[in-house]
């Protein structure tokens, strides 16, 4: 019996998953989509497989080879676009009389999960991985075992005795979990991940060979090297500092967005000091920013508001500057508020747990016909100064 596999083309809904490789070979619990399908078809008795690929077919061909590892011939054919099942059947599956039937599969789901489409959204991708977790421990995976109910760990993985694993979670091969880290629930660490002491990964997938830094908290995200995708909001953050999130295989080269250079404005009415037009807060300008704001609040206003709605880039120096400004304002009885941070900036504050130490106000977006948007606030923790000095020391 023959089979035809149709690789997915690029999907705008999950474009970030396919930045470095086609969707058919994106890591998925230690393997990739095309590998799971080949294994499934071999178990069904298929003896020959043809794969059509329109997105980077050379990478698909490099992954599957000629089929020797599965004991059957496999060929990869390049197409200009993704074919439908009907188009592929018409083009490749019109055998002469007497030949066995052909199985045609459009690989937008995992075997046995036809109703769970992986590429409709990042949330759908995450849900698909979570549902597949118990089935990913196949017989040929020697050493991958369920060490406790709902917790799967690779043989060559090393876990610190102080770390906690909360079911369900999956840890691939050559993973290192250090110190009092917390992994889970609903966490997947692909092969080669290193988690530093005190980190917390929950409701998230960490891609292969990715470093998660000390005290970093990753939630509701798909992380790979320096890219962090929030699967609930579809926002993307390129983490600027390697000690938070980075690649273990390549030199750190986090994509830095182009920042429109506009003059920062500082205005005061005696009671409130407003900072607007801030496009970047990094090692380049953080000292100058701090000096200007310090000079302006010498008149001791009651409130300082820093508008972050135009902030496109912030690194650890920028965060440390905000923490220092918060500490100095607090010492003089002045309230500091961060206004309307961009989703990526909010995500970075949550990743570093800095959202606990600032008063953050933003207006949730609304569409015509919906109620007036609510103002969401985060109040700073009482002991913020202790924690910020610990993180940035």
Protein backbone atom coordinates (compact mmCIF):
# COMPACT_ATOMS: atom_id res chain seq x y z
CA UNK A 1 0.00 0.00 0.00
CA UNK A 2 1.21 3.51 -0.87
CA UNK A 3 0.65 6.76 0.96
CA UNK A 4 0.90 10.45 0.07
CA UNK A 5 1.69 13.06 2.73
CA UNK A 6 1.03 16.76 2.02
CA UNK A 7 3.21 19.10 4.06
CA UNK A 8 1.59 22.34 5.28
CA UNK A 9 2.70 25.54 3.60
CA UNK A 10 3.35 28.66 5.65
CA UNK A 11 0.40 29.75 7.78
CA UNK A 12 0.04 33.44 8.71
CA UNK A 13 -1.74 32.44 11.93
CA UNK A 14 1.40 30.70 13.25
CA UNK A 15 4.08 32.36 11.13
CA UNK A 16 6.56 32.64 14.00
CA UNK A 17 6.65 28.86 14.43
CA UNK A 18 8.04 28.52 10.91
CA UNK A 19 10.73 31.20 11.03
CA UNK A 20 13.66 28.76 10.91
CA UNK A 21 12.06 25.59 9.52
CA UNK A 22 8.87 24.43 7.77
CA UNK A 23 5.89 23.52 9.91
CA UNK A 24 6.22 19.84 9.00
CA UNK A 25 9.55 19.61 10.87
CA UNK A 26 8.96 21.99 13.79
CA UNK A 27 9.87 20.16 17.06
CA UNK A 28 6.86 18.55 18.71
CA UNK A 29 7.59 16.57 21.88
CA UNK A 30 10.99 15.42 20.68
CA UNK A 31 9.99 14.60 17.11
CA UNK A 32 8.19 16.44 14.35
CA UNK A 33 4.86 16.16 12.55
CA UNK A 34 6.16 14.30 9.50
CA UNK A 35 7.93 11.72 11.70
CA UNK A 36 4.76 10.95 13.64
CA UNK A 37 2.84 10.47 10.39
CA UNK A 38 5.47 8.18 8.88
CA UNK A 39 5.48 6.00 12.00
CA UNK A 40 1.69 5.87 11.96
CA UNK A 41 1.56 4.86 8.29
CA UNK A 42 4.23 2.20 8.72
CA UNK A 43 2.14 0.70 11.54
CA UNK A 44 -0.83 0.62 9.14
CA UNK A 45 1.17 -1.46 6.68
CA UNK A 46 2.13 1.24 4.17
CA UNK A 47 5.14 0.19 2.11
CA UNK A 48 5.90 3.36 0.12
CA UNK A 49 5.48 7.07 0.91
CA UNK A 50 5.53 10.16 -1.29
CA UNK A 51 5.77 13.56 0.43
CA UNK A 52 4.89 16.85 -1.28
CA UNK A 53 6.38 20.03 0.22
CA UNK A 54 6.04 23.64 -0.91
CA UNK A 55 7.83 25.30 2.03
CA UNK A 56 11.59 24.59 2.14
CA UNK A 57 11.36 21.04 0.76
CA UNK A 58 15.13 20.56 1.19
CA UNK A 59 14.70 20.68 4.98
CA UNK A 60 11.91 18.10 4.82
CA UNK A 61 14.10 15.89 2.63
CA UNK A 62 17.00 16.25 5.05
CA UNK A 63 14.75 15.20 7.93
CA UNK A 64 13.25 12.04 6.41
CA UNK A 65 16.12 10.96 4.12
CA UNK A 66 15.24 8.12 1.79
CA UNK A 67 13.18 6.25 4.38
CA UNK A 68 15.87 3.75 5.40
CA UNK A 69 15.35 4.39 9.11
CA UNK A 70 11.72 3.23 8.74
CA UNK A 71 12.46 0.39 6.33
CA UNK A 72 10.54 1.69 3.30
CA UNK A 73 11.22 4.05 0.37
CA UNK A 74 10.31 7.72 0.86
CA UNK A 75 10.51 10.44 -1.78
CA UNK A 76 10.04 14.18 -1.27
CA UNK A 77 8.67 16.21 -4.19
CA UNK A 78 8.80 20.01 -4.29
CA UNK A 79 5.58 21.85 -5.14
CA UNK A 80 5.02 25.54 -5.83
CA UNK A 81 2.08 25.64 -3.39
CA UNK A 82 0.29 23.41 -0.92
CA UNK A 83 -2.09 21.04 -2.70
CA UNK A 84 -5.49 20.07 -1.43
CA UNK A 85 -6.18 16.38 -0.87
CA UNK A 86 -8.25 16.31 -4.06
CA UNK A 87 -5.56 18.02 -6.15
CA UNK A 88 -2.85 15.71 -4.78
CA UNK A 89 -4.98 12.63 -5.44
CA UNK A 90 -5.59 13.71 -9.02
CA UNK A 91 -1.91 14.45 -9.64
CA UNK A 92 -0.22 11.56 -7.84
CA UNK A 93 -2.82 8.94 -6.97
CA UNK A 94 -4.30 7.70 -10.20
CA UNK A 95 -2.77 4.19 -10.30
CA UNK A 96 -3.47 1.73 -13.10
CA UNK A 97 -5.91 -1.07 -12.38
CA UNK A 98 -4.61 -3.71 -10.04
CA UNK A 99 -2.37 -1.48 -7.83
CA UNK A 100 -3.15 -1.20 -4.12
CA UNK A 101 -5.12 1.80 -2.82
CA UNK A 102 -3.39 5.05 -1.85
CA UNK A 103 -3.74 6.84 1.51
CA UNK A 104 -3.72 10.66 1.17
CA UNK A 105 -3.04 12.76 4.28
CA UNK A 106 -2.94 16.54 4.53
CA UNK A 107 -0.71 17.06 7.56
CA UNK A 108 -2.51 19.80 9.45
CA UNK A 109 -3.17 17.54 12.45
CA UNK A 110 -1.61 14.66 14.35
CA UNK A 111 -2.50 11.02 13.64
CA UNK A 112 -5.85 10.12 15.15
CA UNK A 113 -6.68 13.79 15.79
CA UNK A 114 -8.46 14.89 12.57
CA UNK A 115 -10.60 17.50 14.31
CA UNK A 116 -7.72 19.18 16.13
CA UNK A 117 -6.06 21.44 13.55
CA UNK A 118 -2.65 22.55 14.73
CA UNK A 119 -2.13 25.65 12.64
CA UNK A 120 -5.30 27.67 13.19
CA UNK A 121 -3.62 29.66 15.98
CA UNK A 122 -0.83 29.48 18.54
CA UNK A 123 -3.45 28.41 21.09
CA UNK A 124 -4.46 25.52 18.79
CA UNK A 125 -0.81 24.47 18.45
CA UNK A 126 -0.36 24.49 22.23
CA UNK A 127 -3.60 22.57 22.78
CA UNK A 128 -2.53 19.98 20.21
CA UNK A 129 0.76 19.37 21.99
CA UNK A 130 -0.95 19.06 25.35
CA UNK A 131 -3.43 16.51 23.98
CA UNK A 132 -0.62 14.52 22.33
CA UNK A 133 1.61 14.41 25.42
CA UNK A 134 0.42 11.00 26.74
CA UNK A 135 0.76 9.46 23.24
CA UNK A 136 4.24 10.78 22.53
CA UNK A 137 5.92 8.07 24.62
CA UNK A 138 6.19 5.50 21.86
CA UNK A 139 7.87 2.10 22.18
CA UNK A 140 11.01 3.03 20.26
CA UNK A 141 11.77 5.86 22.70
CA UNK A 142 14.07 3.91 24.97
CA UNK A 143 14.55 5.73 28.26
CA UNK A 144 11.64 8.15 27.97
CA UNK A 145 9.51 7.14 30.92
CA UNK A 146 6.64 8.31 33.07
CA UNK A 147 8.40 8.91 36.40
CA UNK A 148 5.15 9.81 38.12
CA UNK A 149 1.56 10.12 36.88
CA UNK A 150 1.50 12.70 34.10
CA UNK A 151 5.25 13.47 34.24
CA UNK A 152 7.45 12.17 31.39
CA UNK A 153 11.25 12.52 31.58
CA UNK A 154 14.04 11.54 29.19
CA UNK A 155 16.75 9.12 30.30
CA UNK A 156 19.60 11.62 29.87
CA UNK A 157 17.76 14.45 31.63
CA UNK A 158 19.08 15.73 34.96
CA UNK A 159 16.79 17.31 37.55
CA UNK A 160 17.96 19.02 40.72
CA UNK A 161 16.45 17.42 43.86
CA UNK A 162 15.15 20.87 44.88
CA UNK A 163 13.17 21.28 41.62
CA UNK A 164 9.47 20.46 41.39
CA UNK A 165 7.70 18.82 38.46
CA UNK A 166 3.94 19.42 38.36
CA UNK A 167 1.83 17.14 36.15
CA UNK A 168 1.22 17.15 33.34
CA UNK A 169 4.65 17.97 31.96
CA UNK A 170 7.11 16.56 29.43
CA UNK A 171 10.90 16.85 29.61
CA UNK A 172 12.81 15.65 26.58
CA UNK A 173 16.34 14.32 26.33
CA UNK A 174 19.47 16.12 27.63
CA UNK A 175 17.35 18.59 29.63
CA UNK A 176 18.82 20.23 32.74
CA UNK A 177 16.59 21.64 35.48
CA UNK A 178 18.60 23.42 38.18
CA UNK A 179 17.90 24.63 41.69
CA UNK A 180 14.43 25.24 43.08
CA UNK A 181 12.80 25.56 39.67
CA UNK A 182 9.14 24.70 39.08
CA UNK A 183 8.17 22.95 35.84
CA UNK A 184 4.46 22.61 35.16
CA UNK A 185 1.64 22.19 35.06
CA UNK A 186 1.16 21.86 31.29
CA UNK A 187 4.83 22.46 30.50
CA UNK A 188 6.89 20.95 27.69
CA UNK A 189 10.69 21.22 27.61
CA UNK A 190 12.06 20.00 24.30
CA UNK A 191 15.48 18.33 23.93
CA UNK A 192 18.50 20.20 25.24
CA UNK A 193 16.66 22.82 27.32
CA UNK A 194 18.49 24.25 30.34
CA UNK A 195 16.48 25.87 33.14
CA UNK A 196 18.38 27.94 35.69
CA UNK A 197 17.66 27.98 39.42
CA UNK A 198 14.42 29.56 40.57
CA UNK A 199 12.75 29.68 37.16
CA UNK A 200 9.09 28.75 36.69
CA UNK A 201 7.65 27.33 33.46
CA UNK A 202 3.90 26.70 33.29
CA UNK A 203 1.33 26.45 30.48
CA UNK A 204 4.25 26.79 28.05
CA UNK A 205 6.50 25.08 25.52
CA UNK A 206 10.26 25.69 25.57
CA UNK A 207 11.91 24.86 22.24
CA UNK A 208 15.08 22.78 21.78
CA UNK A 209 18.43 24.09 23.04
CA UNK A 210 16.88 27.08 24.80
CA UNK A 211 18.15 28.60 28.03
CA UNK A 212 15.66 29.87 30.62
CA UNK A 213 17.39 32.18 33.08
CA UNK A 214 17.36 32.29 36.86
CA UNK A 215 14.14 33.62 38.45
CA UNK A 216 12.54 33.88 35.00
CA UNK A 217 8.83 33.09 34.84
CA UNK A 218 7.46 31.76 31.55
CA UNK A 219 3.68 31.34 31.42
CA UNK A 220 1.18 30.88 28.56
CA UNK A 221 4.01 31.04 26.06
CA UNK A 222 5.87 29.27 23.27
CA UNK A 223 9.56 30.08 23.72
CA UNK A 224 12.40 29.24 21.34
CA UNK A 225 15.83 30.78 21.76
CA UNK A 226 15.20 34.54 22.26
CA UNK A 227 11.66 34.53 20.82
CA UNK A 228 8.71 34.43 23.20
CA UNK A 229 5.17 34.04 21.84
CA UNK A 230 2.20 34.48 24.14
CA UNK A 231 -0.30 31.94 22.80
CA UNK A 232 -3.23 33.62 24.57
CA UNK A 233 -2.69 37.09 23.07
CA UNK A 234 -0.64 36.20 19.92
CA UNK A 235 1.97 38.79 20.95
CA UNK A 236 5.66 38.22 20.27
CA UNK A 237 8.67 39.38 22.27
CA UNK A 238 12.31 39.19 21.17
CA UNK A 239 14.01 38.94 24.57
CA UNK A 240 16.95 41.37 24.47
CA UNK A 241 19.13 39.87 27.22
CA UNK A 242 20.61 36.37 27.01
CA UNK A 243 20.46 35.77 30.76
CA UNK A 244 16.63 35.70 30.60
CA UNK A 245 16.05 33.64 27.47
CA UNK A 246 18.49 32.64 24.74
CA UNK A 247 19.85 30.01 22.38
CA UNK A 248 22.37 27.44 23.57
CA UNK A 249 23.60 26.76 20.02
CA UNK A 250 24.01 30.18 18.45
CA UNK A 251 25.59 33.44 19.61
CA UNK A 252 23.04 35.80 21.12
CA UNK A 253 21.68 38.02 18.37
CA UNK A 254 18.25 39.09 19.55
CA UNK A 255 16.38 40.95 16.84
CA UNK A 256 16.28 44.58 17.81
CA UNK A 257 13.41 46.54 16.25
CA UNK A 258 13.93 49.83 14.51
CA UNK A 259 13.09 52.57 16.98
CA UNK A 260 11.72 55.83 15.67
CA UNK A 261 13.78 58.61 17.22
CA UNK A 262 11.45 61.20 18.70
CA UNK A 263 12.29 63.63 21.50
CA UNK A 264 11.18 62.56 24.94
CA UNK A 265 8.88 65.10 26.59
CA UNK A 266 8.74 65.85 30.31
CA UNK A 267 5.88 68.05 31.49
CA UNK A 268 4.82 69.06 34.99
CA UNK A 269 1.81 70.88 36.41
CA UNK A 270 3.20 70.97 39.92
CA UNK A 271 1.27 67.92 41.13
CA UNK A 272 1.98 65.47 38.31
CA UNK A 273 5.08 64.85 36.24
CA UNK A 274 4.39 63.25 32.84
CA UNK A 275 7.02 61.55 30.66
CA UNK A 276 5.93 60.85 27.06
CA UNK A 277 7.51 60.03 23.70
CA UNK A 278 9.83 57.34 25.09
CA UNK A 279 10.73 55.04 22.19
CA UNK A 280 13.67 53.18 23.74
CA UNK A 281 15.02 52.56 27.20
CA UNK A 282 18.31 50.71 27.09
CA UNK A 283 22.00 51.00 27.87
CA UNK A 284 22.16 53.65 25.13
CA UNK A 285 19.91 56.21 26.81
CA UNK A 286 18.94 54.99 30.29
CA UNK A 287 21.46 57.19 32.15
CA UNK A 288 20.32 60.30 30.27
CA UNK A 289 16.66 59.40 30.89
CA UNK A 290 17.25 58.98 34.62
CA UNK A 291 19.13 62.27 34.90
CA UNK A 292 16.41 64.22 33.10
CA UNK A 293 13.59 62.75 35.18
CA UNK A 294 15.52 63.27 38.43
CA UNK A 295 16.07 66.91 37.53
CA UNK A 296 12.38 67.36 36.73
CA UNK A 297 11.02 65.87 39.95
CA UNK A 298 13.23 68.02 42.14
CA UNK A 299 10.04 70.09 42.64
CA UNK A 300 8.55 67.01 44.43
CA UNK A 301 5.37 66.25 42.49
CA UNK A 302 2.94 63.77 44.04
CA UNK A 303 2.77 61.53 40.96
CA UNK A 304 5.16 60.57 38.15
CA UNK A 305 3.56 58.98 35.06
CA UNK A 306 5.80 57.36 32.45
CA UNK A 307 3.94 56.69 29.20
CA UNK A 308 5.23 53.44 27.63
CA UNK A 309 2.73 53.29 24.74
CA UNK A 310 5.49 54.14 22.21
CA UNK A 311 8.26 52.10 23.82
CA UNK A 312 9.62 49.66 21.24
CA UNK A 313 12.78 48.42 22.94
CA UNK A 314 13.80 47.91 26.56
CA UNK A 315 16.64 45.81 27.97
CA UNK A 316 17.93 44.96 31.44
CA UNK A 317 19.56 48.40 31.78
CA UNK A 318 16.23 50.01 31.01
CA UNK A 319 14.41 47.87 33.56
CA UNK A 320 17.07 48.60 36.17
CA UNK A 321 16.65 52.32 35.48
CA UNK A 322 12.89 52.10 36.05
CA UNK A 323 13.52 50.19 39.28
CA UNK A 324 15.98 52.83 40.44
CA UNK A 325 13.51 55.58 39.58
CA UNK A 326 10.79 53.74 41.51
CA UNK A 327 13.05 53.39 44.53
CA UNK A 328 14.03 57.07 44.52
CA UNK A 329 10.44 58.23 44.04
CA UNK A 330 9.23 55.94 46.82
CA UNK A 331 11.87 57.35 49.18
CA UNK A 332 10.44 60.83 48.64
CA UNK A 333 6.80 59.78 48.93
CA UNK A 334 6.11 60.09 45.20
CA UNK A 335 3.93 57.58 43.34
CA UNK A 336 5.36 56.22 40.07
CA UNK A 337 2.99 54.83 37.40
CA UNK A 338 3.79 53.09 34.12
CA UNK A 339 1.08 53.80 31.55
CA UNK A 340 -0.11 51.69 28.60
CA UNK A 341 2.91 49.45 27.98
CA UNK A 342 2.91 47.66 24.63
CA UNK A 343 2.01 43.92 24.83
CA UNK A 344 5.65 42.94 24.26
CA UNK A 345 6.80 45.26 27.05
CA UNK A 346 4.13 43.92 29.39
CA UNK A 347 5.25 40.40 28.55
CA UNK A 348 8.87 41.27 29.35
CA UNK A 349 7.81 42.76 32.70
CA UNK A 350 5.96 39.52 33.48
CA UNK A 351 8.85 37.34 32.26
CA UNK A 352 11.20 39.09 34.69
CA UNK A 353 8.49 39.31 37.40
CA UNK A 354 8.91 43.12 37.40
CA UNK A 355 5.17 43.65 37.00
CA UNK A 356 4.87 42.90 40.73
CA UNK A 357 6.89 45.98 41.67
CA UNK A 358 5.31 48.75 39.59
CA UNK A 359 1.92 50.38 39.45
CA UNK A 360 0.92 49.68 35.85
CA UNK A 361 -2.17 51.19 34.24
CA UNK A 362 -3.42 50.48 30.75
CA UNK A 363 -6.66 50.77 28.83
CA UNK A 364 -7.76 47.52 27.23
CA UNK A 365 -8.64 47.98 23.52
CA UNK A 366 -12.27 47.85 22.51
CA UNK A 367 -14.23 47.59 19.28
CA UNK A 368 -17.35 49.49 18.21
CA UNK A 369 -20.40 48.22 20.02
CA UNK A 370 -18.48 46.86 23.01
CA UNK A 371 -18.61 48.37 26.51
CA UNK A 372 -16.20 51.13 27.44
CA UNK A 373 -12.77 49.60 28.05
CA UNK A 374 -11.75 49.09 31.61
CA UNK A 375 -8.57 50.40 33.13
CA UNK A 376 -6.47 47.51 34.40
CA UNK A 377 -4.03 48.14 37.22
CA UNK A 378 -1.16 46.29 38.83
CA UNK A 379 -0.27 47.57 42.27
CA UNK A 380 3.36 47.13 43.34
CA UNK A 381 4.19 44.56 45.99
CA UNK A 382 4.99 45.87 49.43
CA UNK A 383 8.50 44.45 49.38
CA UNK A 384 9.42 45.51 45.86
CA UNK A 385 12.70 47.16 46.81
CA UNK A 386 14.04 43.93 48.32
CA UNK A 387 13.21 41.85 45.24
CA UNK A 388 14.44 44.34 42.64
CA UNK A 389 17.78 44.70 44.39
CA UNK A 390 18.05 40.90 44.44
CA UNK A 391 17.30 40.51 40.72
CA UNK A 392 19.55 43.29 39.47
CA UNK A 393 22.41 42.87 41.93
